[in-house]
PDB file of all heavy atoms in Angstrom:
ATOM      1  N   VAL A   1       0.867  -1.220  -0.030  1.00  0.00           N
ATOM      2  CA  VAL A   1       0.059  -0.015  -0.018  1.00  0.00           C
ATOM      3  C   VAL A   1       0.836   1.249   0.004  1.00  0.00           C
ATOM      4  O   VAL A   1       0.663   2.228  -0.826  1.00  0.00           O
ATOM      5  CB  VAL A   1      -0.968   0.043   1.186  1.00  0.00           C
ATOM      6  CG1 VAL A   1      -1.597   1.376   1.416  1.00  0.00           C
ATOM      7  CG2 VAL A   1      -2.024  -1.074   1.052  1.00  0.00           C
ATOM      8  N   TYR A   2       1.876   1.280   0.900  1.00  0.00           N
ATOM      9  CA  TYR A   2       2.599   2.508   0.953  1.00  0.00           C
ATOM     10  C   TYR A   2       3.750   2.615  -0.141  1.00  0.00           C
ATOM     11  O   TYR A   2       4.157   3.744  -0.498  1.00  0.00           O
ATOM     12  CB  TYR A   2       3.305   2.674   2.330  1.00  0.00           C
ATOM     13  CG  TYR A   2       2.152   3.074   3.324  1.00  0.00           C
ATOM     14  CD1 TYR A   2       1.592   2.187   4.195  1.00  0.00           C
ATOM     15  CD2 TYR A   2       1.749   4.386   3.312  1.00  0.00           C
ATOM     16  CE1 TYR A   2       0.552   2.527   5.001  1.00  0.00           C
ATOM     17  CE2 TYR A   2       0.731   4.848   4.187  1.00  0.00           C
ATOM     18  CZ  TYR A   2       0.168   3.829   4.975  1.00  0.00           C
ATOM     19  OH  TYR A   2      -0.906   4.295   5.755  1.00  0.00           O
ATOM     20  N   TYR A   3       4.088   1.470  -0.713  1.00  0.00           N
ATOM     21  CA  TYR A   3       4.893   1.589  -2.024  1.00  0.00           C
ATOM     22  C   TYR A   3       4.093   2.237  -3.039  1.00  0.00           C
ATOM     23  O   TYR A   3       4.551   3.166  -3.736  1.00  0.00           O
ATOM     24  CB  TYR A   3       5.313   0.129  -2.372  1.00  0.00           C
ATOM     25  CG  TYR A   3       6.005   0.122  -3.757  1.00  0.00           C
ATOM     26  CD1 TYR A   3       7.284   0.761  -3.951  1.00  0.00           C
ATOM     27  CD2 TYR A   3       5.462  -0.548  -4.804  1.00  0.00           C
ATOM     28  CE1 TYR A   3       7.930   0.708  -5.205  1.00  0.00           C
ATOM     29  CE2 TYR A   3       6.055  -0.545  -6.017  1.00  0.00           C
ATOM     30  CZ  TYR A   3       7.286   0.047  -6.147  1.00  0.00           C
ATOM     31  OH  TYR A   3       7.962   0.028  -7.410  1.00  0.00           O
ATOM     32  N   ALA A   4       2.840   1.901  -3.228  1.00  0.00           N
ATOM     33  CA  ALA A   4       1.970   2.509  -4.240  1.00  0.00           C
ATOM     34  C   ALA A   4       1.694   3.922  -3.898  1.00  0.00           C
ATOM     35  O   ALA A   4       1.667   4.796  -4.815  1.00  0.00           O
ATOM     36  CB  ALA A   4       0.627   1.708  -4.345  1.00  0.00           C
ATOM     37  N   ALA A   5       1.457   4.280  -2.655  1.00  0.00           N
ATOM     38  CA  ALA A   5       1.216   5.664  -2.257  1.00  0.00           C
ATOM     39  C   ALA A   5       2.489   6.521  -2.574  1.00  0.00           C
ATOM     40  O   ALA A   5       2.339   7.701  -3.050  1.00  0.00           O
ATOM     41  CB  ALA A   5       0.909   5.731  -0.755  1.00  0.00           C
ATOM     42  N   ARG A   6       3.622   5.985  -2.294  1.00  0.00           N
ATOM     43  CA  ARG A   6       4.865   6.809  -2.662  1.00  0.00           C
ATOM     44  C   ARG A   6       5.032   6.914  -4.142  1.00  0.00           C
ATOM     45  O   ARG A   6       5.479   7.989  -4.651  1.00  0.00           O
ATOM     46  CB  ARG A   6       6.073   6.149  -2.025  1.00  0.00           C
ATOM     47  CG  ARG A   6       6.156   6.260  -0.518  1.00  0.00           C
ATOM     48  CD  ARG A   6       7.465   5.755   0.109  1.00  0.00           C
ATOM     49  NE  ARG A   6       7.491   6.005   1.501  1.00  0.00           N
ATOM     50  CZ  ARG A   6       7.255   5.028   2.433  1.00  0.00           C
ATOM     51  NH1 ARG A   6       7.010   3.813   2.147  1.00  0.00           N
ATOM     52  NH2 ARG A   6       7.333   5.447   3.721  1.00  0.00           N
ATOM     53  N   LEU A   7       4.691   5.857  -4.944  1.00  0.00           N
ATOM     54  CA  LEU A   7       4.677   6.040  -6.376  1.00  0.00           C
ATOM     55  C   LEU A   7       3.799   7.122  -6.819  1.00  0.00           C
ATOM     56  O   LEU A   7       4.175   7.828  -7.783  1.00  0.00           O
ATOM     57  CB  LEU A   7       4.365   4.645  -7.002  1.00  0.00           C
ATOM     58  CG  LEU A   7       5.373   3.552  -6.984  1.00  0.00           C
ATOM     59  CD1 LEU A   7       4.771   2.279  -7.662  1.00  0.00           C
ATOM     60  CD2 LEU A   7       6.672   3.968  -7.654  1.00  0.00           C
ATOM     61  N   ASN A   8       2.604   7.241  -6.195  1.00  0.00           N
ATOM     62  CA  ASN A   8       1.677   8.267  -6.647  1.00  0.00           C
ATOM     63  C   ASN A   8       2.259   9.615  -6.325  1.00  0.00           C
ATOM     64  O   ASN A   8       2.088  10.540  -7.230  1.00  0.00           O
ATOM     65  CB  ASN A   8       0.418   8.126  -5.795  1.00  0.00           C
ATOM     66  CG  ASN A   8      -0.668   9.155  -6.217  1.00  0.00           C
ATOM     67  OD1 ASN A   8      -1.341   8.903  -7.187  1.00  0.00           O
ATOM     68  ND2 ASN A   8      -0.811  10.146  -5.407  1.00  0.00           N
ATOM     69  N   ASP A   9       2.926   9.835  -5.217  1.00  0.00           N
ATOM     70  CA  ASP A   9       3.546  11.065  -4.949  1.00  0.00           C
ATOM     71  C   ASP A   9       4.713  11.439  -5.891  1.00  0.00           C
ATOM     72  O   ASP A   9       5.080  12.686  -6.098  1.00  0.00           O
ATOM     73  CB  ASP A   9       4.074  11.121  -3.509  1.00  0.00           C
ATOM     74  CG  ASP A   9       2.977  11.196  -2.408  1.00  0.00           C
ATOM     75  OD1 ASP A   9       1.864  11.749  -2.759  1.00  0.00           O
ATOM     76  OD2 ASP A   9       3.122  10.720  -1.329  1.00  0.00           O
ATOM     77  N   GLN A  10       5.276  10.446  -6.517  1.00  0.00           N
ATOM     78  CA  GLN A  10       6.366  10.640  -7.479  1.00  0.00           C
ATOM     79  C   GLN A  10       5.797  10.767  -8.934  1.00  0.00           C
ATOM     80  O   GLN A  10       6.530  10.927  -9.845  1.00  0.00           O
ATOM     81  CB  GLN A  10       7.329   9.485  -7.380  1.00  0.00           C
ATOM     82  CG  GLN A  10       7.979   9.340  -6.051  1.00  0.00           C
ATOM     83  CD  GLN A  10       8.760   8.011  -5.856  1.00  0.00           C
ATOM     84  OE1 GLN A  10       8.876   7.239  -6.819  1.00  0.00           O
ATOM     85  NE2 GLN A  10       9.215   7.758  -4.636  1.00  0.00           N
ATOM     86  N   GLY A  11       4.481  10.680  -9.067  1.00  0.00           N
ATOM     87  CA  GLY A  11       3.892  10.695 -10.387  1.00  0.00           C
ATOM     88  C   GLY A  11       4.145   9.391 -11.168  1.00  0.00           C
ATOM     89  O   GLY A  11       4.117   9.401 -12.450  1.00  0.00           O
ATOM     90  N   LYS A  12       4.412   8.258 -10.429  1.00  0.00           N
ATOM     91  CA  LYS A  12       4.788   7.062 -11.166  1.00  0.00           C
ATOM     92  C   LYS A  12       3.796   5.883 -10.867  1.00  0.00           C
ATOM     93  O   LYS A  12       4.050   4.747 -11.276  1.00  0.00           O
ATOM     94  CB  LYS A  12       6.172   6.590 -10.706  1.00  0.00           C
ATOM     95  CG  LYS A  12       7.308   7.589 -10.990  1.00  0.00           C
ATOM     96  CD  LYS A  12       8.584   7.125 -10.531  1.00  0.00           C
ATOM     97  CE  LYS A  12       9.697   8.078 -10.802  1.00  0.00           C
ATOM     98  NZ  LYS A  12      10.972   7.540 -10.279  1.00  0.00           N
ATOM     99  N   LEU A  13       2.704   6.132 -10.240  1.00  0.00           N
ATOM    100  CA  LEU A  13       1.763   5.108  -9.893  1.00  0.00           C
ATOM    101  C   LEU A  13       1.026   4.498 -11.152  1.00  0.00           C
ATOM    102  O   LEU A  13       0.580   5.293 -11.959  1.00  0.00           O
ATOM    103  CB  LEU A  13       0.695   5.484  -8.962  1.00  0.00           C
ATOM    104  CG  LEU A  13      -0.318   4.581  -8.459  1.00  0.00           C
ATOM    105  CD1 LEU A  13       0.343   3.421  -7.823  1.00  0.00           C
ATOM    106  CD2 LEU A  13      -1.372   5.174  -7.550  1.00  0.00           C
ATOM    107  N   THR A  14       1.116   3.196 -11.298  1.00  0.00           N
ATOM    108  CA  THR A  14       0.547   2.558 -12.483  1.00  0.00           C
ATOM    109  C   THR A  14      -0.706   1.791 -11.972  1.00  0.00           C
ATOM    110  O   THR A  14      -0.984   1.566 -10.749  1.00  0.00           O
ATOM    111  CB  THR A  14       1.470   1.602 -13.114  1.00  0.00           C
ATOM    112  OG1 THR A  14       1.711   0.439 -12.118  1.00  0.00           O
ATOM    113  CG2 THR A  14       2.789   2.154 -13.446  1.00  0.00           C
ATOM    114  N   ARG A  15      -1.620   1.528 -12.923  1.00  0.00           N
ATOM    115  CA  ARG A  15      -2.822   0.761 -12.599  1.00  0.00           C
ATOM    116  C   ARG A  15      -2.503  -0.650 -11.999  1.00  0.00           C
ATOM    117  O   ARG A  15      -3.139  -1.062 -11.034  1.00  0.00           O
ATOM    118  CB  ARG A  15      -3.644   0.544 -13.914  1.00  0.00           C
ATOM    119  CG  ARG A  15      -4.268   1.774 -14.524  1.00  0.00           C
ATOM    120  CD  ARG A  15      -5.287   1.415 -15.509  1.00  0.00           C
ATOM    121  NE  ARG A  15      -4.848   0.496 -16.520  1.00  0.00           N
ATOM    122  CZ  ARG A  15      -5.615  -0.299 -17.209  1.00  0.00           C
ATOM    123  NH1 ARG A  15      -6.943  -0.205 -17.104  1.00  0.00           N
ATOM    124  NH2 ARG A  15      -5.143  -1.215 -18.139  1.00  0.00           N
ATOM    125  N   ARG A  16      -1.387  -1.197 -12.442  1.00  0.00           N
ATOM    126  CA  ARG A  16      -0.989  -2.476 -11.971  1.00  0.00           C
ATOM    127  C   ARG A  16      -0.589  -2.421 -10.412  1.00  0.00           C
ATOM    128  O   ARG A  16      -1.086  -3.231  -9.653  1.00  0.00           O
ATOM    129  CB  ARG A  16       0.223  -3.020 -12.669  1.00  0.00           C
ATOM    130  CG  ARG A  16       0.676  -4.388 -12.267  1.00  0.00           C
ATOM    131  CD  ARG A  16       1.988  -4.726 -12.950  1.00  0.00           C
ATOM    132  NE  ARG A  16       3.030  -3.843 -12.541  1.00  0.00           N
ATOM    133  CZ  ARG A  16       4.270  -3.856 -13.094  1.00  0.00           C
ATOM    134  NH1 ARG A  16       4.557  -4.580 -14.075  1.00  0.00           N
ATOM    135  NH2 ARG A  16       5.214  -2.988 -12.657  1.00  0.00           N
ATOM    136  N   GLU A  17       0.204  -1.472 -10.081  1.00  0.00           N
ATOM    137  CA  GLU A  17       0.681  -1.395  -8.742  1.00  0.00           C
ATOM    138  C   GLU A  17      -0.498  -1.042  -7.800  1.00  0.00           C
ATOM    139  O   GLU A  17      -0.584  -1.558  -6.673  1.00  0.00           O
ATOM    140  CB  GLU A  17       1.764  -0.289  -8.549  1.00  0.00           C
ATOM    141  CG  GLU A  17       3.003  -0.612  -9.339  1.00  0.00           C
ATOM    142  CD  GLU A  17       3.722  -1.819  -9.027  1.00  0.00           C
ATOM    143  OE1 GLU A  17       3.492  -2.340  -7.819  1.00  0.00           O
ATOM    144  OE2 GLU A  17       4.515  -2.389  -9.809  1.00  0.00           O
ATOM    145  N   ALA A  18      -1.431  -0.147  -8.180  1.00  0.00           N
ATOM    146  CA  ALA A  18      -2.516   0.122  -7.477  1.00  0.00           C
ATOM    147  C   ALA A  18      -3.459  -1.103  -7.249  1.00  0.00           C
ATOM    148  O   ALA A  18      -3.919  -1.359  -6.211  1.00  0.00           O
ATOM    149  CB  ALA A  18      -3.325   1.321  -8.061  1.00  0.00           C
ATOM    150  N   ALA A  19      -3.645  -1.782  -8.350  1.00  0.00           N
ATOM    151  CA  ALA A  19      -4.583  -2.980  -8.231  1.00  0.00           C
ATOM    152  C   ALA A  19      -3.912  -4.084  -7.419  1.00  0.00           C
ATOM    153  O   ALA A  19      -4.627  -4.669  -6.555  1.00  0.00           O
ATOM    154  CB  ALA A  19      -4.807  -3.489  -9.668  1.00  0.00           C
ATOM    155  N   MET A  20      -2.589  -4.272  -7.458  1.00  0.00           N
ATOM    156  CA  MET A  20      -1.970  -5.255  -6.606  1.00  0.00           C
ATOM    157  C   MET A  20      -2.054  -4.853  -5.088  1.00  0.00           C
ATOM    158  O   MET A  20      -2.336  -5.715  -4.245  1.00  0.00           O
ATOM    159  CB  MET A  20      -0.448  -5.327  -6.935  1.00  0.00           C
ATOM    160  CG  MET A  20      -0.214  -6.089  -8.274  1.00  0.00           C
ATOM    161  SD  MET A  20       1.575  -6.059  -8.667  1.00  0.00           S
ATOM    162  CE  MET A  20       1.630  -7.280 -10.041  1.00  0.00           C
ATOM    163  N   ALA A  21      -1.902  -3.544  -4.817  1.00  0.00           N
ATOM    164  CA  ALA A  21      -2.041  -3.085  -3.452  1.00  0.00           C
ATOM    165  C   ALA A  21      -3.410  -3.344  -2.860  1.00  0.00           C
ATOM    166  O   ALA A  21      -3.506  -3.842  -1.720  1.00  0.00           O
ATOM    167  CB  ALA A  21      -1.590  -1.619  -3.336  1.00  0.00           C
ATOM    168  N   LYS A  22      -4.378  -2.974  -3.646  1.00  0.00           N
ATOM    169  CA  LYS A  22      -5.752  -3.141  -3.105  1.00  0.00           C
ATOM    170  C   LYS A  22      -6.119  -4.687  -3.046  1.00  0.00           C
ATOM    171  O   LYS A  22      -6.690  -5.176  -2.033  1.00  0.00           O
ATOM    172  CB  LYS A  22      -6.833  -2.508  -4.001  1.00  0.00           C
ATOM    173  CG  LYS A  22      -8.190  -2.798  -3.454  1.00  0.00           C
ATOM    174  CD  LYS A  22      -9.292  -2.173  -4.430  1.00  0.00           C
ATOM    175  CE  LYS A  22     -10.669  -2.357  -3.825  1.00  0.00           C
ATOM    176  NZ  LYS A  22     -11.148  -3.688  -3.665  1.00  0.00           N
ATOM    177  N   LEU A  23      -5.807  -5.460  -4.116  1.00  0.00           N
ATOM    178  CA  LEU A  23      -6.074  -6.827  -4.086  1.00  0.00           C
ATOM    179  C   LEU A  23      -5.445  -7.577  -2.950  1.00  0.00           C
ATOM    180  O   LEU A  23      -6.177  -8.290  -2.181  1.00  0.00           O
ATOM    181  CB  LEU A  23      -5.564  -7.473  -5.421  1.00  0.00           C
ATOM    182  CG  LEU A  23      -5.684  -8.990  -5.475  1.00  0.00           C
ATOM    183  CD1 LEU A  23      -7.153  -9.508  -5.526  1.00  0.00           C
ATOM    184  CD2 LEU A  23      -4.932  -9.545  -6.797  1.00  0.00           C
ATOM    185  N   PHE A  24      -4.174  -7.468  -2.722  1.00  0.00           N
ATOM    186  CA  PHE A  24      -3.544  -8.179  -1.754  1.00  0.00           C
ATOM    187  C   PHE A  24      -3.968  -7.737  -0.301  1.00  0.00           C
ATOM    188  O   PHE A  24      -4.274  -8.616   0.545  1.00  0.00           O
ATOM    189  CB  PHE A  24      -1.990  -8.124  -1.840  1.00  0.00           C
ATOM    190  CG  PHE A  24      -1.316  -8.927  -0.927  1.00  0.00           C
ATOM    191  CD1 PHE A  24      -0.878 -10.225  -1.219  1.00  0.00           C
ATOM    192  CD2 PHE A  24      -0.897  -8.446   0.359  1.00  0.00           C
ATOM    193  CE1 PHE A  24      -0.260 -11.104  -0.335  1.00  0.00           C
ATOM    194  CE2 PHE A  24      -0.215  -9.300   1.299  1.00  0.00           C
ATOM    195  CZ  PHE A  24       0.139 -10.562   0.853  1.00  0.00           C
ATOM    196  N   SER A  25      -3.979  -6.400  -0.079  1.00  0.00           N
ATOM    197  CA  SER A  25      -4.282  -5.973   1.246  1.00  0.00           C
ATOM    198  C   SER A  25      -5.727  -6.320   1.650  1.00  0.00           C
ATOM    199  O   SER A  25      -5.946  -6.725   2.852  1.00  0.00           O
ATOM    200  CB  SER A  25      -4.064  -4.471   1.352  1.00  0.00           C
ATOM    201  OG  SER A  25      -4.914  -3.732   0.456  1.00  0.00           O
ATOM    202  N   THR A  26      -6.663  -6.124   0.860  1.00  0.00           N
ATOM    203  CA  THR A  26      -8.062  -6.388   1.275  1.00  0.00           C
ATOM    204  C   THR A  26      -8.250  -7.907   1.479  1.00  0.00           C
ATOM    205  O   THR A  26      -8.848  -8.250   2.444  1.00  0.00           O
ATOM    206  CB  THR A  26      -9.142  -5.900   0.242  1.00  0.00           C
ATOM    207  OG1 THR A  26      -8.764  -6.444  -1.053  1.00  0.00           O
ATOM    208  CG2 THR A  26      -9.018  -4.384   0.163  1.00  0.00           C
ATOM    209  N   GLU A  27      -7.817  -8.759   0.609  1.00  0.00           N
ATOM    210  CA  GLU A  27      -7.980 -10.213   0.715  1.00  0.00           C
ATOM    211  C   GLU A  27      -7.151 -10.722   2.038  1.00  0.00           C
ATOM    212  O   GLU A  27      -7.688 -11.518   2.798  1.00  0.00           O
ATOM    213  CB  GLU A  27      -7.478 -10.929  -0.527  1.00  0.00           C
ATOM    214  CG  GLU A  27      -8.316 -10.748  -1.668  1.00  0.00           C
ATOM    215  CD  GLU A  27      -9.696 -11.392  -1.604  1.00  0.00           C
ATOM    216  OE1 GLU A  27      -9.937 -12.107  -0.616  1.00  0.00           O
ATOM    217  OE2 GLU A  27     -10.542 -11.218  -2.524  1.00  0.00           O
ATOM    218  N   ALA A  28      -5.907 -10.191   2.158  1.00  0.00           N
ATOM    219  CA  ALA A  28      -5.154 -10.599   3.350  1.00  0.00           C
ATOM    220  C   ALA A  28      -5.800 -10.159   4.686  1.00  0.00           C
ATOM    221  O   ALA A  28      -5.735 -10.960   5.624  1.00  0.00           O
ATOM    222  CB  ALA A  28      -3.715  -9.999   3.197  1.00  0.00           C
ATOM    223  N   ILE A  29      -6.312  -8.998   4.711  1.00  0.00           N
ATOM    224  CA  ILE A  29      -6.863  -8.557   5.980  1.00  0.00           C
ATOM    225  C   ILE A  29      -8.248  -9.079   6.285  1.00  0.00           C
ATOM    226  O   ILE A  29      -8.668  -9.262   7.438  1.00  0.00           O
ATOM    227  CB  ILE A  29      -6.817  -6.994   6.035  1.00  0.00           C
ATOM    228  CG1 ILE A  29      -5.306  -6.607   6.096  1.00  0.00           C
ATOM    229  CG2 ILE A  29      -7.580  -6.447   7.206  1.00  0.00           C
ATOM    230  CD1 ILE A  29      -4.984  -5.101   5.921  1.00  0.00           C
ATOM    231  N   ILE A  30      -9.010  -9.503   5.241  1.00  0.00           N
ATOM    232  CA  ILE A  30     -10.156 -10.340   5.448  1.00  0.00           C
ATOM    233  C   ILE A  30      -9.767 -11.601   6.162  1.00  0.00           C
ATOM    234  O   ILE A  30     -10.461 -12.051   7.146  1.00  0.00           O
ATOM    235  CB  ILE A  30     -10.908 -10.574   4.151  1.00  0.00           C
ATOM    236  CG1 ILE A  30     -11.716  -9.366   3.791  1.00  0.00           C
ATOM    237  CG2 ILE A  30     -11.792 -11.847   4.266  1.00  0.00           C
ATOM    238  CD1 ILE A  30     -12.404  -9.489   2.418  1.00  0.00           C
ATOM    239  N   ASP A  31      -8.699 -12.197   5.766  1.00  0.00           N
ATOM    240  CA  ASP A  31      -8.207 -13.391   6.342  1.00  0.00           C
ATOM    241  C   ASP A  31      -7.752 -13.125   7.789  1.00  0.00           C
ATOM    242  O   ASP A  31      -7.960 -13.962   8.726  1.00  0.00           O
ATOM    243  CB  ASP A  31      -7.063 -14.066   5.591  1.00  0.00           C
ATOM    244  CG  ASP A  31      -6.655 -15.432   6.010  1.00  0.00           C
ATOM    245  OD1 ASP A  31      -7.554 -16.261   6.164  1.00  0.00           O
ATOM    246  OD2 ASP A  31      -5.412 -15.621   6.295  1.00  0.00           O
ATOM    247  N   ILE A  32      -7.069 -11.983   8.040  1.00  0.00           N
ATOM    248  CA  ILE A  32      -6.613 -11.636   9.373  1.00  0.00           C
ATOM    249  C   ILE A  32      -7.854 -11.437  10.304  1.00  0.00           C
ATOM    250  O   ILE A  32      -7.785 -12.002  11.474  1.00  0.00           O
ATOM    251  CB  ILE A  32      -5.840 -10.284   9.328  1.00  0.00           C
ATOM    252  CG1 ILE A  32      -4.457 -10.513   8.739  1.00  0.00           C
ATOM    253  CG2 ILE A  32      -5.777  -9.646  10.753  1.00  0.00           C
ATOM    254  CD1 ILE A  32      -3.703  -9.194   8.455  1.00  0.00           C
ATOM    255  N   CYS A  33      -8.882 -10.848   9.879  1.00  0.00           N
ATOM    256  CA  CYS A  33     -10.049 -10.731  10.711  1.00  0.00           C
ATOM    257  C   CYS A  33     -10.744 -11.975  10.949  1.00  0.00           C
ATOM    258  O   CYS A  33     -11.294 -12.262  12.008  1.00  0.00           O
ATOM    259  CB  CYS A  33     -11.021  -9.695  10.095  1.00  0.00           C
ATOM    260  SG  CYS A  33     -10.380  -7.967   9.929  1.00  0.00           S
TER     261      CYS A  33
END
């Protein structure tokens, strides 16, 4: 998530990195809960 956020601040965020950040974090944290 924060790798993608830093890429955004650098003007380098891609659709792929944003999608990977959301996909992994939401699915992983559903499992955590």
